[in-house]
């Protein structure tokens, strides 16, 4: 079950643009804050919080920062309420884009998102205009340190995975979105190093851009979205070109 990872194709851009630690900490911190307010601050009784703590640690968020965010969200002093919103639209040459946000000012965020689409050759659409092109999946990424493919296959299915692809660096596992935490914990218990585990939107088909200007504007659109603190996740169906390998 080897092959090109479509999730890495999407995620590579996010890793490049979300490189600043402060930006990553801010985004994950908002998710944790909302999660604590909705389900409590004890990860033993809040599975989603358990997953977010694992996500924070995989992004090198210090334990002190995680504890501080949880305690603040549990206290009466934190009056900030974040609202979840999803925006759908088209980038240059009709690339489908979904933007998930957490914001304390919906009007500001909506204006920013619309501005980015307009500025970089796209247009913001109505709810449902592109989401039908995507399916919700859980994606768990393992580090591949010379793993045996047959053993990985047995363990993946035993731990609740539905399918997987494997290359020389990583193993990408698909599962039900609600099973991400369960699959991650089961694989960790077997000794695998989990690089990331989260629910994601995976496109059914991909769009290839050949025009240099369209590629430039699509990159700028993704950069602008990823740099906005209110934007949590960006999904698209652009078949991004392979990055050249370093010598």
Protein backbone atom coordinates (compact mmCIF):
# COMPACT_ATOMS: atom_id res chain seq x y z
CA UNK A 1 0.00 0.00 0.00
CA UNK A 2 2.57 2.54 -1.09
CA UNK A 3 2.02 5.65 -3.12
CA UNK A 4 2.05 9.42 -3.23
CA UNK A 5 0.48 10.98 -0.16
CA UNK A 6 -2.26 13.40 -1.09
CA UNK A 7 -2.43 14.67 2.50
CA UNK A 8 1.25 15.58 2.44
CA UNK A 9 0.64 17.34 -0.85
CA UNK A 10 -1.88 19.60 0.89
CA UNK A 11 -0.05 19.84 4.20
CA UNK A 12 3.36 20.75 2.81
CA UNK A 13 2.21 24.31 2.13
CA UNK A 14 0.86 24.73 5.63
CA UNK A 15 4.12 23.60 7.16
CA UNK A 16 6.01 26.14 5.08
CA UNK A 17 3.77 29.08 5.90
CA UNK A 18 3.01 28.20 9.52
CA UNK A 19 6.68 27.95 10.37
CA UNK A 20 6.60 30.63 13.05
CA UNK A 21 6.10 28.97 16.44
CA UNK A 22 4.01 31.84 17.78
CA UNK A 23 1.53 31.43 14.93
CA UNK A 24 1.16 27.70 15.56
CA UNK A 25 0.82 28.22 19.32
CA UNK A 26 -1.93 30.81 18.80
CA UNK A 27 -4.00 28.57 16.53
CA UNK A 28 -3.74 25.46 18.68
CA UNK A 29 -4.32 27.55 21.81
CA UNK A 30 -7.68 28.72 20.46
CA UNK A 31 -8.73 25.15 19.70
CA UNK A 32 -7.80 24.04 23.21
CA UNK A 33 -9.60 27.00 24.79
CA UNK A 34 -12.85 26.26 22.93
CA UNK A 35 -12.54 22.54 23.68
CA UNK A 36 -12.06 23.13 27.43
CA UNK A 37 -15.04 25.48 27.63
CA UNK A 38 -17.22 22.92 25.84
CA UNK A 39 -16.04 19.70 27.49
CA UNK A 40 -14.00 20.55 30.59
CA UNK A 41 -10.31 20.69 31.35
CA UNK A 42 -9.65 17.08 32.32
CA UNK A 43 -8.18 15.20 29.33
CA UNK A 44 -9.16 11.90 30.96
CA UNK A 45 -12.81 12.88 30.55
CA UNK A 46 -12.46 14.95 27.37
CA UNK A 47 -11.22 12.88 24.43
CA UNK A 48 -11.06 15.87 22.11
CA UNK A 49 -8.85 17.73 24.58
CA UNK A 50 -6.62 14.65 24.75
CA UNK A 51 -6.22 14.78 20.96
CA UNK A 52 -5.49 18.51 20.99
CA UNK A 53 -2.84 18.12 23.69
CA UNK A 54 -1.20 15.45 21.54
CA UNK A 55 -1.42 17.80 18.54
CA UNK A 56 0.14 20.63 20.57
CA UNK A 57 3.00 18.42 21.72
CA UNK A 58 3.66 17.18 18.17
CA UNK A 59 4.02 20.86 17.19
CA UNK A 60 6.48 21.42 20.06
CA UNK A 61 4.16 23.57 22.16
CA UNK A 62 5.71 23.56 25.67
CA UNK A 63 3.78 21.77 28.42
CA UNK A 64 3.69 25.00 30.47
CA UNK A 65 1.91 26.76 27.61
CA UNK A 66 -0.64 23.96 27.31
CA UNK A 67 -1.35 23.97 31.06
CA UNK A 68 -1.68 27.76 31.07
CA UNK A 69 -4.22 27.72 28.23
CA UNK A 70 -6.31 25.03 29.94
CA UNK A 71 -6.31 26.81 33.31
CA UNK A 72 -7.21 30.13 31.70
CA UNK A 73 -10.11 28.58 29.76
CA UNK A 74 -11.42 26.93 32.95
CA UNK A 75 -11.29 30.18 34.93
CA UNK A 76 -13.94 32.88 35.15
CA UNK A 77 -11.46 35.51 34.00
CA UNK A 78 -11.41 34.35 30.38
CA UNK A 79 -14.33 36.16 28.74
CA UNK A 80 -13.18 35.60 25.15
CA UNK A 81 -15.62 33.49 23.19
CA UNK A 82 -14.56 32.09 19.84
CA UNK A 83 -17.09 31.28 17.14
CA UNK A 84 -16.48 28.59 14.55
CA UNK A 85 -17.20 29.45 10.91
CA UNK A 86 -16.47 27.77 7.59
CA UNK A 87 -15.97 29.62 4.29
CA UNK A 88 -15.97 28.06 0.83
CA UNK A 89 -14.77 29.49 -2.43
CA UNK A 90 -12.63 29.21 -5.50
CA UNK A 91 -9.01 30.16 -5.97
CA UNK A 92 -7.38 30.97 -9.31
CA UNK A 93 -8.50 28.72 -12.20
CA UNK A 94 -11.31 27.27 -10.10
CA UNK A 95 -9.27 25.59 -7.35
CA UNK A 96 -11.70 24.56 -4.58
CA UNK A 97 -10.86 26.02 -1.15
CA UNK A 98 -12.39 25.47 2.30
CA UNK A 99 -11.37 27.73 5.19
CA UNK A 100 -12.17 26.86 8.82
CA UNK A 101 -11.96 29.71 11.35
CA UNK A 102 -12.24 30.39 15.07
CA UNK A 103 -12.85 34.07 15.74
CA UNK A 104 -14.01 36.52 18.38
CA UNK A 105 -15.11 38.93 15.64
CA UNK A 106 -17.02 37.28 12.80
CA UNK A 107 -17.37 40.49 10.75
CA UNK A 108 -13.62 41.12 10.82
CA UNK A 109 -12.80 37.57 9.82
CA UNK A 110 -15.41 37.41 7.05
CA UNK A 111 -14.09 40.67 5.61
CA UNK A 112 -10.50 39.42 5.71
CA UNK A 113 -11.34 36.12 4.01
CA UNK A 114 -13.34 37.84 1.26
CA UNK A 115 -10.50 40.31 0.72
CA UNK A 116 -7.94 37.53 0.28
CA UNK A 117 -10.05 35.70 -2.29
CA UNK A 118 -10.73 38.90 -4.25
CA UNK A 119 -7.11 40.09 -4.13
CA UNK A 120 -5.58 36.85 -5.36
CA UNK A 121 -7.80 35.94 -8.28
CA UNK A 122 -10.50 33.90 -6.56
CA UNK A 123 -13.99 34.45 -5.27
CA UNK A 124 -15.77 33.55 -2.05
CA UNK A 125 -18.77 31.31 -2.64
CA UNK A 126 -21.84 30.21 -0.73
CA UNK A 127 -22.04 27.41 1.82
CA UNK A 128 -21.87 24.06 0.05
CA UNK A 129 -20.39 25.36 -3.20
CA UNK A 130 -17.23 23.22 -2.92
CA UNK A 131 -17.62 21.09 0.21
CA UNK A 132 -19.37 18.37 -1.80
CA UNK A 133 -15.99 17.76 -3.49
CA UNK A 134 -14.39 16.79 -0.16
CA UNK A 135 -14.88 13.94 2.28
CA UNK A 136 -14.15 13.96 6.00
CA UNK A 137 -11.43 11.54 7.03
CA UNK A 138 -9.17 10.96 9.98
CA UNK A 139 -5.50 11.13 9.01
CA UNK A 140 -2.79 9.67 11.23
CA UNK A 141 0.84 10.08 10.15
CA UNK A 142 3.55 7.77 11.51
CA UNK A 143 7.29 8.19 11.21
CA UNK A 144 8.78 5.45 9.05
CA UNK A 145 12.13 4.35 10.43
CA UNK A 146 12.55 1.24 8.32
CA UNK A 147 9.21 -0.24 9.32
CA UNK A 148 8.12 -3.63 7.99
CA UNK A 149 5.18 -3.17 5.63
CA UNK A 150 3.39 -6.39 6.54
CA UNK A 151 3.58 -5.66 10.26
CA UNK A 152 2.40 -2.09 9.70
CA UNK A 153 -0.57 -3.39 7.73
CA UNK A 154 -1.55 -5.83 10.50
CA UNK A 155 -1.15 -3.19 13.21
CA UNK A 156 -3.00 -0.46 11.29
CA UNK A 157 -6.09 -2.60 10.75
CA UNK A 158 -5.95 -3.98 14.29
CA UNK A 159 -5.85 -0.41 15.65
CA UNK A 160 -8.90 0.70 13.65
CA UNK A 161 -7.38 2.15 10.49
CA UNK A 162 -9.28 1.77 7.21
CA UNK A 163 -6.42 2.15 4.74
CA UNK A 164 -2.83 3.33 4.56
CA UNK A 165 -0.08 4.43 2.21
CA UNK A 166 3.60 4.10 2.97
CA UNK A 167 6.70 5.81 1.63
CA UNK A 168 10.30 5.86 2.81
CA UNK A 169 9.66 8.63 5.36
CA UNK A 170 6.08 8.28 6.59
CA UNK A 171 3.03 6.07 6.89
CA UNK A 172 -0.28 7.81 6.22
CA UNK A 173 -3.31 6.11 7.74
CA UNK A 174 -6.96 6.85 6.97
CA UNK A 175 -9.69 6.22 9.53
CA UNK A 176 -13.09 7.53 10.53
CA UNK A 177 -12.82 11.18 11.71
CA UNK A 178 -14.20 10.35 15.15
CA UNK A 179 -11.69 7.50 15.57
CA UNK A 180 -8.53 9.61 15.23
CA UNK A 181 -7.77 9.66 18.95
CA UNK A 182 -8.47 5.96 19.41
CA UNK A 183 -6.28 4.98 16.45
CA UNK A 184 -3.47 7.31 17.54
CA UNK A 185 -3.44 5.97 21.10
CA UNK A 186 -3.54 2.34 19.94
CA UNK A 187 -0.60 2.86 17.57
CA UNK A 188 1.39 4.73 20.21
CA UNK A 189 0.81 1.82 22.58
CA UNK A 190 2.44 -0.43 19.98
CA UNK A 191 5.52 1.79 19.92
CA UNK A 192 4.94 3.82 16.76
CA UNK A 193 5.94 7.47 16.67
CA UNK A 194 2.89 9.51 15.64
CA UNK A 195 3.83 12.71 13.80
CA UNK A 196 0.27 14.04 13.51
CA UNK A 197 -3.30 12.88 13.98
CA UNK A 198 -6.32 14.94 13.04
CA UNK A 199 -9.59 15.02 11.17
CA UNK A 200 -9.25 16.50 7.69
CA UNK A 201 -11.14 17.19 4.48
CA UNK A 202 -9.72 15.25 1.54
CA UNK A 203 -10.73 16.21 -2.03
CA UNK A 204 -12.07 13.57 -4.40
CA UNK A 205 -10.28 15.13 -7.37
CA UNK A 206 -7.36 17.50 -7.82
CA UNK A 207 -6.79 20.53 -10.05
CA UNK A 208 -3.44 21.12 -11.73
CA UNK A 209 -2.30 24.69 -12.40
CA UNK A 210 0.02 25.28 -15.35
CA UNK A 211 -0.17 29.08 -15.64
CA UNK A 212 2.65 30.77 -13.71
CA UNK A 213 0.46 33.70 -12.66
CA UNK A 214 -2.28 31.38 -11.36
CA UNK A 215 0.33 29.42 -9.38
CA UNK A 216 1.76 32.65 -7.94
CA UNK A 217 -1.67 33.91 -6.89
CA UNK A 218 -2.68 30.54 -5.42
CA UNK A 219 0.47 30.52 -3.29
CA UNK A 220 -0.24 34.09 -2.15
CA UNK A 221 -3.85 33.18 -1.27
CA UNK A 222 -2.70 30.23 0.85
CA UNK A 223 0.00 32.37 2.49
CA UNK A 224 -2.51 35.07 3.42
CA UNK A 225 -5.00 32.57 4.82
CA UNK A 226 -2.40 30.67 6.84
CA UNK A 227 -0.95 33.90 8.25
CA UNK A 228 -4.33 34.99 9.64
CA UNK A 229 -4.67 34.08 13.33
CA UNK A 230 -8.42 33.48 12.93
CA UNK A 231 -7.85 30.76 10.30
CA UNK A 232 -7.47 27.29 11.79
CA UNK A 233 -7.40 25.06 8.70
CA UNK A 234 -7.27 25.49 4.95
CA UNK A 235 -8.17 22.65 2.59
CA UNK A 236 -7.90 22.78 -1.21
CA UNK A 237 -7.75 20.52 -4.23
CA UNK A 238 -4.70 22.02 -5.90
CA UNK A 239 -2.26 19.35 -7.05
CA UNK A 240 0.78 21.18 -5.80
CA UNK A 241 4.06 20.64 -7.68
CA UNK A 242 6.62 18.43 -6.04
CA UNK A 243 9.32 20.34 -4.17
CA UNK A 244 12.82 19.68 -5.51
CA UNK A 245 14.94 17.47 -3.29
CA UNK A 246 17.88 19.13 -1.58
CA UNK A 247 21.33 17.96 -2.54
